[in-house]
Amino acid sequence: MIRLWEQPFESFLKSPGLLPFAVLSRVADPVVALEQVAIQIRDAVEPQAQAIIAASAAIMAGLLLEESLIQRIIGMDLLEQSSIYQGAVKKGVQQGLQQQLQEEHSLALRMLARSLGEIPGSFESRINRLSISQTRSLIESTLLFSSLPDLESWLAIAEKSTEPNTTDS
């Protein structure tokens, strides 16, 4: 076992593969250490490996430092190139779309309940399977419904028209 915090900082600067761990080594100031690591990454590492090493250094530095400070020092341009960053962005977008879809479903159900009264569970589950564009269309159509059979007809048409629960916009 190697205790990184006991190892001298300079030994991590000798190999690009060790740069991500340098901030966790024996340093007086992790901010200054990260600044030196960022310089090493930009100057001494081949361009193909820069994004990978920068992302790894950012992850390790995240154990000690604030995200905004790390982004400023390492540079968003390098971080944005990494597959780790790209994956996090993709996951965030997917979560945001899923949350938006749930909110749209909830809004549609509230509006339907106001205009038609209590909505049976079977209708709720069908509405929750609608895509975001279908749900928006349902919200727009809500004021046209005067009874549950109107909603039933609308849902039957919508269910035939596209794939369920997609997050199209």
N, C-alpha and C. Protein backbone atom coordinates (compact mmCIF):
# COMPACT_ATOMS: atom_id res chain seq x y z
N MET A 1 0.85 -1.16 0.00
CA MET A 1 0.00 0.00 0.00
C MET A 1 0.90 1.24 0.00
N ILE A 2 0.54 2.18 -0.82
CA ILE A 2 1.27 3.45 -0.89
C ILE A 2 0.38 4.54 -0.34
N ARG A 3 0.87 5.26 0.62
CA ARG A 3 0.14 6.39 1.19
C ARG A 3 0.53 7.63 0.39
N LEU A 4 -0.36 8.03 -0.51
CA LEU A 4 -0.06 9.15 -1.41
C LEU A 4 0.31 10.40 -0.64
N TRP A 5 -0.40 10.68 0.44
CA TRP A 5 -0.19 11.90 1.20
C TRP A 5 1.18 11.95 1.88
N GLU A 6 1.90 10.80 1.88
CA GLU A 6 3.25 10.78 2.46
C GLU A 6 4.34 10.88 1.40
N GLN A 7 3.96 10.77 0.14
CA GLN A 7 4.93 10.78 -0.96
C GLN A 7 5.25 12.21 -1.39
N PRO A 8 6.49 12.48 -1.78
CA PRO A 8 6.85 13.84 -2.22
C PRO A 8 6.17 14.20 -3.54
N PHE A 9 5.68 15.39 -3.60
CA PHE A 9 4.96 15.90 -4.77
C PHE A 9 5.78 15.76 -6.05
N GLU A 10 7.05 16.08 -5.99
CA GLU A 10 7.91 16.10 -7.18
C GLU A 10 7.98 14.75 -7.89
N SER A 11 7.87 13.66 -7.12
CA SER A 11 7.98 12.34 -7.75
C SER A 11 6.79 12.06 -8.68
N PHE A 12 5.65 12.73 -8.45
CA PHE A 12 4.49 12.53 -9.30
C PHE A 12 4.58 13.34 -10.60
N LEU A 13 5.44 14.32 -10.62
CA LEU A 13 5.59 15.16 -11.82
C LEU A 13 6.48 14.51 -12.87
N LYS A 14 7.14 13.42 -12.51
CA LYS A 14 8.09 12.77 -13.41
C LYS A 14 7.43 11.89 -14.47
N SER A 15 6.19 11.50 -14.22
CA SER A 15 5.50 10.60 -15.16
C SER A 15 4.09 11.11 -15.40
N PRO A 16 3.70 11.28 -16.67
CA PRO A 16 2.35 11.77 -16.97
C PRO A 16 1.24 10.92 -16.34
N GLY A 17 1.46 9.62 -16.25
CA GLY A 17 0.46 8.74 -15.68
C GLY A 17 0.22 8.97 -14.19
N LEU A 18 1.19 9.58 -13.52
CA LEU A 18 1.07 9.85 -12.09
C LEU A 18 0.54 11.25 -11.78
N LEU A 19 0.47 12.10 -12.78
CA LEU A 19 0.03 13.49 -12.56
C LEU A 19 -1.31 13.60 -11.82
N PRO A 20 -2.30 12.77 -12.13
CA PRO A 20 -3.58 12.91 -11.42
C PRO A 20 -3.47 12.74 -9.90
N PHE A 21 -2.48 12.00 -9.45
CA PHE A 21 -2.33 11.74 -8.02
C PHE A 21 -1.50 12.79 -7.29
N ALA A 22 -0.86 13.68 -8.04
CA ALA A 22 0.06 14.65 -7.44
C ALA A 22 -0.60 15.53 -6.38
N VAL A 23 -1.83 15.94 -6.61
CA VAL A 23 -2.52 16.83 -5.67
C VAL A 23 -2.74 16.13 -4.32
N LEU A 24 -2.80 14.81 -4.33
CA LEU A 24 -3.03 14.06 -3.10
C LEU A 24 -1.73 13.73 -2.36
N SER A 25 -0.61 14.13 -2.94
CA SER A 25 0.69 13.84 -2.32
C SER A 25 0.99 14.84 -1.21
N ARG A 26 2.21 14.77 -0.69
CA ARG A 26 2.63 15.66 0.39
C ARG A 26 2.91 17.05 -0.21
N VAL A 27 1.89 17.94 -0.09
CA VAL A 27 2.01 19.30 -0.61
C VAL A 27 1.56 20.29 0.47
N ALA A 28 2.16 21.46 0.42
CA ALA A 28 1.75 22.51 1.37
C ALA A 28 0.42 23.11 0.95
N ASP A 29 0.24 23.27 -0.36
CA ASP A 29 -0.97 23.91 -0.86
C ASP A 29 -1.49 23.14 -2.08
N PRO A 30 -2.61 22.43 -1.95
CA PRO A 30 -3.13 21.66 -3.07
C PRO A 30 -3.49 22.50 -4.29
N VAL A 31 -3.84 23.77 -4.08
CA VAL A 31 -4.18 24.65 -5.21
C VAL A 31 -2.93 24.89 -6.06
N VAL A 32 -1.84 25.20 -5.41
CA VAL A 32 -0.57 25.42 -6.13
C VAL A 32 -0.15 24.12 -6.81
N ALA A 33 -0.33 23.01 -6.14
CA ALA A 33 0.02 21.72 -6.73
C ALA A 33 -0.81 21.47 -7.99
N LEU A 34 -2.11 21.73 -7.93
CA LEU A 34 -2.96 21.52 -9.10
C LEU A 34 -2.56 22.46 -10.23
N GLU A 35 -2.19 23.66 -9.92
CA GLU A 35 -1.72 24.60 -10.95
C GLU A 35 -0.48 24.05 -11.66
N GLN A 36 0.44 23.47 -10.88
CA GLN A 36 1.64 22.88 -11.48
C GLN A 36 1.30 21.65 -12.32
N VAL A 37 0.36 20.86 -11.84
CA VAL A 37 -0.09 19.69 -12.59
C VAL A 37 -0.71 20.13 -13.92
N ALA A 38 -1.54 21.16 -13.89
CA ALA A 38 -2.18 21.65 -15.11
C ALA A 38 -1.14 22.11 -16.12
N ILE A 39 -0.11 22.77 -15.66
CA ILE A 39 0.98 23.21 -16.55
C ILE A 39 1.66 21.99 -17.16
N GLN A 40 1.95 21.00 -16.33
CA GLN A 40 2.59 19.78 -16.82
C GLN A 40 1.72 19.09 -17.87
N ILE A 41 0.42 19.03 -17.61
CA ILE A 41 -0.49 18.36 -18.55
C ILE A 41 -0.46 19.08 -19.89
N ARG A 42 -0.53 20.39 -19.87
CA ARG A 42 -0.55 21.16 -21.12
C ARG A 42 0.80 21.15 -21.85
N ASP A 43 1.89 21.13 -21.10
CA ASP A 43 3.21 21.26 -21.71
C ASP A 43 3.90 19.93 -22.00
N ALA A 44 3.71 18.94 -21.14
CA ALA A 44 4.52 17.73 -21.23
C ALA A 44 3.77 16.51 -21.73
N VAL A 45 2.48 16.60 -21.83
CA VAL A 45 1.70 15.42 -22.22
C VAL A 45 1.26 15.56 -23.67
N GLU A 46 1.35 14.45 -24.42
CA GLU A 46 0.91 14.48 -25.82
C GLU A 46 -0.57 14.81 -25.88
N PRO A 47 -0.99 15.51 -26.92
CA PRO A 47 -2.38 15.99 -27.03
C PRO A 47 -3.44 14.90 -26.88
N GLN A 48 -3.18 13.70 -27.38
CA GLN A 48 -4.18 12.63 -27.29
C GLN A 48 -4.47 12.24 -25.85
N ALA A 49 -3.49 12.36 -24.98
CA ALA A 49 -3.65 11.93 -23.59
C ALA A 49 -4.04 13.08 -22.66
N GLN A 50 -3.98 14.29 -23.12
CA GLN A 50 -4.24 15.44 -22.25
C GLN A 50 -5.63 15.38 -21.61
N ALA A 51 -6.65 15.13 -22.39
CA ALA A 51 -8.02 15.12 -21.85
C ALA A 51 -8.19 14.03 -20.80
N ILE A 52 -7.63 12.87 -21.04
CA ILE A 52 -7.76 11.75 -20.10
C ILE A 52 -7.05 12.07 -18.79
N ILE A 53 -5.85 12.57 -18.89
CA ILE A 53 -5.07 12.88 -17.68
C ILE A 53 -5.68 14.07 -16.95
N ALA A 54 -6.15 15.06 -17.69
CA ALA A 54 -6.79 16.23 -17.06
C ALA A 54 -8.05 15.82 -16.32
N ALA A 55 -8.86 14.98 -16.92
CA ALA A 55 -10.09 14.52 -16.26
C ALA A 55 -9.75 13.70 -15.02
N SER A 56 -8.75 12.86 -15.12
CA SER A 56 -8.34 12.06 -13.96
C SER A 56 -7.82 12.95 -12.84
N ALA A 57 -7.03 13.96 -13.21
CA ALA A 57 -6.52 14.90 -12.20
C ALA A 57 -7.66 15.67 -11.55
N ALA A 58 -8.65 16.04 -12.34
CA ALA A 58 -9.81 16.77 -11.80
C ALA A 58 -10.58 15.91 -10.81
N ILE A 59 -10.73 14.65 -11.12
CA ILE A 59 -11.45 13.74 -10.22
C ILE A 59 -10.69 13.60 -8.90
N MET A 60 -9.39 13.41 -8.97
CA MET A 60 -8.58 13.28 -7.76
C MET A 60 -8.58 14.59 -6.97
N ALA A 61 -8.43 15.69 -7.66
CA ALA A 61 -8.42 16.99 -6.98
C ALA A 61 -9.76 17.27 -6.32
N GLY A 62 -10.83 16.69 -6.87
CA GLY A 62 -12.16 16.87 -6.31
C GLY A 62 -12.31 16.32 -4.90
N LEU A 63 -11.38 15.50 -4.48
CA LEU A 63 -11.38 15.01 -3.10
C LEU A 63 -10.98 16.10 -2.11
N LEU A 64 -10.29 17.14 -2.62
CA LEU A 64 -9.78 18.19 -1.74
C LEU A 64 -10.28 19.59 -2.07
N LEU A 65 -10.58 19.83 -3.34
CA LEU A 65 -10.85 21.20 -3.80
C LEU A 65 -12.26 21.33 -4.39
N GLU A 66 -12.71 22.56 -4.48
CA GLU A 66 -14.02 22.87 -5.05
C GLU A 66 -14.00 22.70 -6.57
N GLU A 67 -15.14 22.29 -7.11
CA GLU A 67 -15.28 22.05 -8.55
C GLU A 67 -14.92 23.27 -9.39
N SER A 68 -15.43 24.43 -9.01
CA SER A 68 -15.18 25.64 -9.81
C SER A 68 -13.70 25.99 -9.86
N LEU A 69 -13.00 25.77 -8.76
CA LEU A 69 -11.56 26.03 -8.72
C LEU A 69 -10.81 25.06 -9.63
N ILE A 70 -11.20 23.81 -9.58
CA ILE A 70 -10.57 22.79 -10.43
C ILE A 70 -10.79 23.12 -11.90
N GLN A 71 -12.02 23.48 -12.25
CA GLN A 71 -12.33 23.82 -13.64
C GLN A 71 -11.51 25.02 -14.11
N ARG A 72 -11.37 26.01 -13.25
CA ARG A 72 -10.60 27.21 -13.61
C ARG A 72 -9.13 26.86 -13.83
N ILE A 73 -8.58 26.04 -12.97
CA ILE A 73 -7.14 25.72 -13.05
C ILE A 73 -6.85 24.78 -14.21
N ILE A 74 -7.57 23.71 -14.32
CA ILE A 74 -7.29 22.73 -15.37
C ILE A 74 -7.78 23.23 -16.72
N GLY A 75 -8.88 23.92 -16.73
CA GLY A 75 -9.42 24.45 -17.98
C GLY A 75 -10.55 23.59 -18.50
N MET A 76 -11.66 24.23 -18.70
CA MET A 76 -12.83 23.49 -19.18
C MET A 76 -12.60 22.88 -20.55
N ASP A 77 -11.76 23.50 -21.37
CA ASP A 77 -11.54 22.95 -22.69
C ASP A 77 -10.99 21.52 -22.63
N LEU A 78 -10.06 21.27 -21.72
CA LEU A 78 -9.53 19.92 -21.57
C LEU A 78 -10.56 18.99 -20.94
N LEU A 79 -11.25 19.47 -19.93
CA LEU A 79 -12.23 18.62 -19.26
C LEU A 79 -13.38 18.24 -20.20
N GLU A 80 -13.81 19.18 -21.02
CA GLU A 80 -14.92 18.91 -21.93
C GLU A 80 -14.58 17.86 -22.98
N GLN A 81 -13.30 17.67 -23.24
CA GLN A 81 -12.88 16.67 -24.23
C GLN A 81 -12.89 15.26 -23.68
N SER A 82 -12.91 15.12 -22.36
CA SER A 82 -12.79 13.80 -21.77
C SER A 82 -14.10 13.02 -21.86
N SER A 83 -13.97 11.72 -21.96
CA SER A 83 -15.15 10.86 -22.02
C SER A 83 -15.90 10.89 -20.69
N ILE A 84 -15.21 11.12 -19.60
CA ILE A 84 -15.87 11.20 -18.29
C ILE A 84 -16.79 12.40 -18.27
N TYR A 85 -16.31 13.54 -18.73
CA TYR A 85 -17.14 14.75 -18.77
C TYR A 85 -18.31 14.56 -19.73
N GLN A 86 -18.04 14.02 -20.90
CA GLN A 86 -19.09 13.80 -21.89
C GLN A 86 -20.17 12.87 -21.34
N GLY A 87 -19.74 11.83 -20.62
CA GLY A 87 -20.71 10.91 -20.02
C GLY A 87 -21.54 11.59 -18.95
N ALA A 88 -20.91 12.44 -18.15
CA ALA A 88 -21.64 13.16 -17.10
C ALA A 88 -22.66 14.11 -17.72
N VAL A 89 -22.27 14.79 -18.78
CA VAL A 89 -23.19 15.71 -19.45
C VAL A 89 -24.37 14.92 -20.03
N LYS A 90 -24.08 13.82 -20.68
CA LYS A 90 -25.15 13.00 -21.27
C LYS A 90 -26.11 12.50 -20.20
N LYS A 91 -25.56 12.05 -19.08
CA LYS A 91 -26.40 11.58 -17.99
C LYS A 91 -27.25 12.72 -17.43
N GLY A 92 -26.66 13.91 -17.28
CA GLY A 92 -27.40 15.06 -16.79
C GLY A 92 -28.54 15.46 -17.72
N VAL A 93 -28.26 15.42 -19.01
CA VAL A 93 -29.30 15.74 -19.99
C VAL A 93 -30.44 14.72 -19.90
N GLN A 94 -30.08 13.45 -19.82
CA GLN A 94 -31.11 12.40 -19.73
C GLN A 94 -31.95 12.56 -18.46
N GLN A 95 -31.29 12.87 -17.35
CA GLN A 95 -32.03 13.08 -16.10
C GLN A 95 -32.95 14.29 -16.20
N GLY A 96 -32.45 15.35 -16.82
CA GLY A 96 -33.27 16.55 -17.00
C GLY A 96 -34.48 16.29 -17.87
N LEU A 97 -34.29 15.54 -18.95
CA LEU A 97 -35.41 15.20 -19.83
C LEU A 97 -36.42 14.31 -19.11
N GLN A 98 -35.93 13.37 -18.32
CA GLN A 98 -36.82 12.49 -17.58
C GLN A 98 -37.62 13.28 -16.55
N GLN A 99 -36.96 14.21 -15.87
CA GLN A 99 -37.65 15.05 -14.88
C GLN A 99 -38.70 15.92 -15.57
N GLN A 100 -38.33 16.49 -16.71
CA GLN A 100 -39.27 17.32 -17.45
C GLN A 100 -40.49 16.51 -17.88
N LEU A 101 -40.25 15.28 -18.33
CA LEU A 101 -41.35 14.41 -18.76
C LEU A 101 -42.29 14.12 -17.58
N GLN A 102 -41.71 13.84 -16.43
CA GLN A 102 -42.54 13.58 -15.24
C GLN A 102 -43.35 14.80 -14.85
N GLU A 103 -42.75 15.98 -14.94
CA GLU A 103 -43.47 17.21 -14.62
C GLU A 103 -44.60 17.47 -15.60
N GLU A 104 -44.36 17.19 -16.88
CA GLU A 104 -45.40 17.36 -17.90
C GLU A 104 -46.56 16.39 -17.64
N HIS A 105 -46.23 15.13 -17.30
CA HIS A 105 -47.27 14.16 -16.98
C HIS A 105 -48.10 14.63 -15.78
N SER A 106 -47.42 15.12 -14.77
CA SER A 106 -48.11 15.59 -13.57
C SER A 106 -49.03 16.76 -13.89
N LEU A 107 -48.55 17.69 -14.71
CA LEU A 107 -49.36 18.83 -15.11
C LEU A 107 -50.60 18.38 -15.88
N ALA A 108 -50.40 17.46 -16.80
CA ALA A 108 -51.54 16.94 -17.59
C ALA A 108 -52.58 16.30 -16.68
N LEU A 109 -52.12 15.50 -15.73
CA LEU A 109 -53.06 14.84 -14.82
C LEU A 109 -53.80 15.84 -13.94
N ARG A 110 -53.11 16.87 -13.47
CA ARG A 110 -53.78 17.90 -12.66
C ARG A 110 -54.83 18.65 -13.48
N MET A 111 -54.48 18.99 -14.71
CA MET A 111 -55.42 19.72 -15.55
C MET A 111 -56.63 18.85 -15.89
N LEU A 112 -56.39 17.59 -16.18
CA LEU A 112 -57.49 16.68 -16.47
C LEU A 112 -58.40 16.51 -15.25
N ALA A 113 -57.80 16.40 -14.08
CA ALA A 113 -58.60 16.25 -12.86
C ALA A 113 -59.47 17.48 -12.62
N ARG A 114 -58.93 18.64 -12.94
CA ARG A 114 -59.72 19.88 -12.77
C ARG A 114 -60.90 19.94 -13.72
N SER A 115 -60.70 19.48 -14.93
CA SER A 115 -61.79 19.60 -15.91
C SER A 115 -62.72 18.39 -15.93
N LEU A 116 -62.22 17.19 -15.58
CA LEU A 116 -63.04 15.99 -15.69
C LEU A 116 -63.33 15.34 -14.33
N GLY A 117 -62.69 15.79 -13.29
CA GLY A 117 -62.85 15.14 -11.99
C GLY A 117 -61.77 14.09 -11.81
N GLU A 118 -62.01 13.15 -10.92
CA GLU A 118 -61.02 12.12 -10.61
C GLU A 118 -60.69 11.29 -11.84
N ILE A 119 -59.38 11.13 -12.08
CA ILE A 119 -58.92 10.36 -13.25
C ILE A 119 -58.59 8.94 -12.77
N PRO A 120 -59.22 7.93 -13.35
CA PRO A 120 -58.93 6.55 -12.95
C PRO A 120 -57.46 6.18 -13.16
N GLY A 121 -56.97 5.29 -12.31
CA GLY A 121 -55.57 4.86 -12.36
C GLY A 121 -55.16 4.31 -13.71
N SER A 122 -56.07 3.63 -14.40
CA SER A 122 -55.74 3.08 -15.71
C SER A 122 -55.40 4.19 -16.71
N PHE A 123 -56.09 5.32 -16.59
CA PHE A 123 -55.78 6.46 -17.45
C PHE A 123 -54.44 7.08 -17.06
N GLU A 124 -54.18 7.16 -15.77
CA GLU A 124 -52.91 7.73 -15.29
C GLU A 124 -51.73 6.96 -15.85
N SER A 125 -51.82 5.62 -15.78
CA SER A 125 -50.69 4.82 -16.28
C SER A 125 -50.51 4.99 -17.78
N ARG A 126 -51.58 5.14 -18.52
CA ARG A 126 -51.49 5.36 -19.97
C ARG A 126 -50.87 6.73 -20.25
N ILE A 127 -51.27 7.73 -19.49
CA ILE A 127 -50.71 9.08 -19.66
C ILE A 127 -49.23 9.08 -19.33
N ASN A 128 -48.85 8.34 -18.31
CA ASN A 128 -47.43 8.29 -17.91
C ASN A 128 -46.55 7.58 -18.93
N ARG A 129 -47.16 6.90 -19.88
CA ARG A 129 -46.38 6.25 -20.96
C ARG A 129 -46.25 7.14 -22.19
N LEU A 130 -46.90 8.28 -22.20
CA LEU A 130 -46.83 9.18 -23.36
C LEU A 130 -45.47 9.85 -23.46
N SER A 131 -45.08 10.18 -24.68
CA SER A 131 -43.86 10.95 -24.89
C SER A 131 -44.11 12.39 -24.45
N ILE A 132 -43.04 13.16 -24.39
CA ILE A 132 -43.19 14.55 -23.95
C ILE A 132 -44.02 15.36 -24.96
N SER A 133 -43.84 15.10 -26.25
CA SER A 133 -44.63 15.85 -27.24
C SER A 133 -46.11 15.44 -27.18
N GLN A 134 -46.37 14.16 -26.96
CA GLN A 134 -47.75 13.71 -26.82
C GLN A 134 -48.38 14.32 -25.56
N THR A 135 -47.60 14.37 -24.49
CA THR A 135 -48.12 14.93 -23.24
C THR A 135 -48.43 16.41 -23.41
N ARG A 136 -47.58 17.12 -24.10
CA ARG A 136 -47.84 18.54 -24.36
C ARG A 136 -49.11 18.71 -25.20
N SER A 137 -49.28 17.85 -26.17
CA SER A 137 -50.49 17.89 -26.99
C SER A 137 -51.73 17.60 -26.14
N LEU A 138 -51.59 16.64 -25.22
CA LEU A 138 -52.69 16.32 -24.32
C LEU A 138 -53.05 17.53 -23.45
N ILE A 139 -52.03 18.21 -22.93
CA ILE A 139 -52.27 19.41 -22.12
C ILE A 139 -53.05 20.45 -22.91
N GLU A 140 -52.66 20.65 -24.17
CA GLU A 140 -53.35 21.61 -25.02
C GLU A 140 -54.79 21.18 -25.31
N SER A 141 -55.01 19.87 -25.36
CA SER A 141 -56.34 19.35 -25.69
C SER A 141 -57.26 19.24 -24.48
N THR A 142 -56.71 19.34 -23.30
CA THR A 142 -57.48 19.11 -22.07
C THR A 142 -58.77 19.91 -22.01
N LEU A 143 -58.72 21.16 -22.43
CA LEU A 143 -59.91 22.01 -22.35
C LEU A 143 -61.01 21.59 -23.33
N LEU A 144 -60.67 20.75 -24.29
CA LEU A 144 -61.66 20.29 -25.26
C LEU A 144 -62.44 19.07 -24.77
N PHE A 145 -61.93 18.42 -23.72
CA PHE A 145 -62.59 17.21 -23.22
C PHE A 145 -63.75 17.59 -22.30
N SER A 146 -64.88 16.89 -22.48
CA SER A 146 -66.02 17.11 -21.59
C SER A 146 -66.32 15.87 -20.76
N SER A 147 -65.66 14.75 -21.10
CA SER A 147 -65.92 13.51 -20.37
C SER A 147 -64.74 12.56 -20.50
N LEU A 148 -64.74 11.52 -19.68
CA LEU A 148 -63.67 10.52 -19.76
C LEU A 148 -63.65 9.80 -21.11
N PRO A 149 -64.79 9.55 -21.75
CA PRO A 149 -64.72 8.94 -23.09
C PRO A 149 -63.95 9.81 -24.10
N ASP A 150 -64.03 11.14 -23.95
CA ASP A 150 -63.23 12.02 -24.82
C ASP A 150 -61.75 11.76 -24.61
N LEU A 151 -61.36 11.65 -23.35
CA LEU A 151 -59.95 11.36 -23.02
C LEU A 151 -59.57 9.98 -23.54
N GLU A 152 -60.45 9.02 -23.39
CA GLU A 152 -60.20 7.66 -23.87
C GLU A 152 -59.93 7.67 -25.38
N SER A 153 -60.74 8.39 -26.12
CA SER A 153 -60.57 8.47 -27.58
C SER A 153 -59.23 9.11 -27.92
N TRP A 154 -58.91 10.18 -27.23
CA TRP A 154 -57.65 10.88 -27.49
C TRP A 154 -56.47 9.95 -27.21
N LEU A 155 -56.50 9.26 -26.08
CA LEU A 155 -55.40 8.35 -25.71
C LEU A 155 -55.27 7.20 -26.71
N ALA A 156 -56.38 6.68 -27.18
CA ALA A 156 -56.33 5.57 -28.15
C ALA A 156 -55.61 6.01 -29.42
N ILE A 157 -55.91 7.21 -29.87
CA ILE A 157 -55.25 7.73 -31.07
C ILE A 157 -53.76 7.96 -30.80
N ALA A 158 -53.45 8.57 -29.66
CA ALA A 158 -52.05 8.87 -29.31
C ALA A 158 -51.22 7.60 -29.17
N GLU A 159 -51.80 6.58 -28.58
CA GLU A 159 -51.06 5.33 -28.37
C GLU A 159 -50.75 4.62 -29.68
N LYS A 160 -51.56 4.84 -30.70
CA LYS A 160 -51.31 4.23 -32.00
C LYS A 160 -50.29 5.01 -32.82
N SER A 161 -50.11 6.30 -32.49
CA SER A 161 -49.33 7.17 -33.37
C SER A 161 -47.82 7.07 -33.21
N THR A 162 -47.30 6.90 -32.00
CA THR A 162 -45.84 6.86 -31.84
C THR A 162 -45.44 5.92 -30.72
N GLU A 163 -44.13 5.75 -30.60
CA GLU A 163 -43.58 4.92 -29.53
C GLU A 163 -43.83 5.58 -28.18
N PRO A 164 -44.12 4.80 -27.14
CA PRO A 164 -44.39 5.37 -25.82
C PRO A 164 -43.14 5.88 -25.11
N ASN A 165 -43.35 6.88 -24.27
CA ASN A 165 -42.39 7.41 -23.31
C ASN A 165 -41.05 7.81 -23.90
N THR A 166 -41.03 8.36 -25.10
CA THR A 166 -39.80 8.91 -25.63
C THR A 166 -39.69 10.33 -25.15
N THR A 167 -38.48 10.86 -25.17
CA THR A 167 -38.28 12.22 -24.67
C THR A 167 -38.03 13.18 -25.82
N ASP A 168 -38.79 13.02 -26.89
CA ASP A 168 -38.67 13.98 -28.00
C ASP A 168 -39.22 15.31 -27.58
N SER A 169 -38.86 16.37 -28.33
CA SER A 169 -39.35 17.68 -27.93
C SER A 169 -40.14 18.36 -28.97
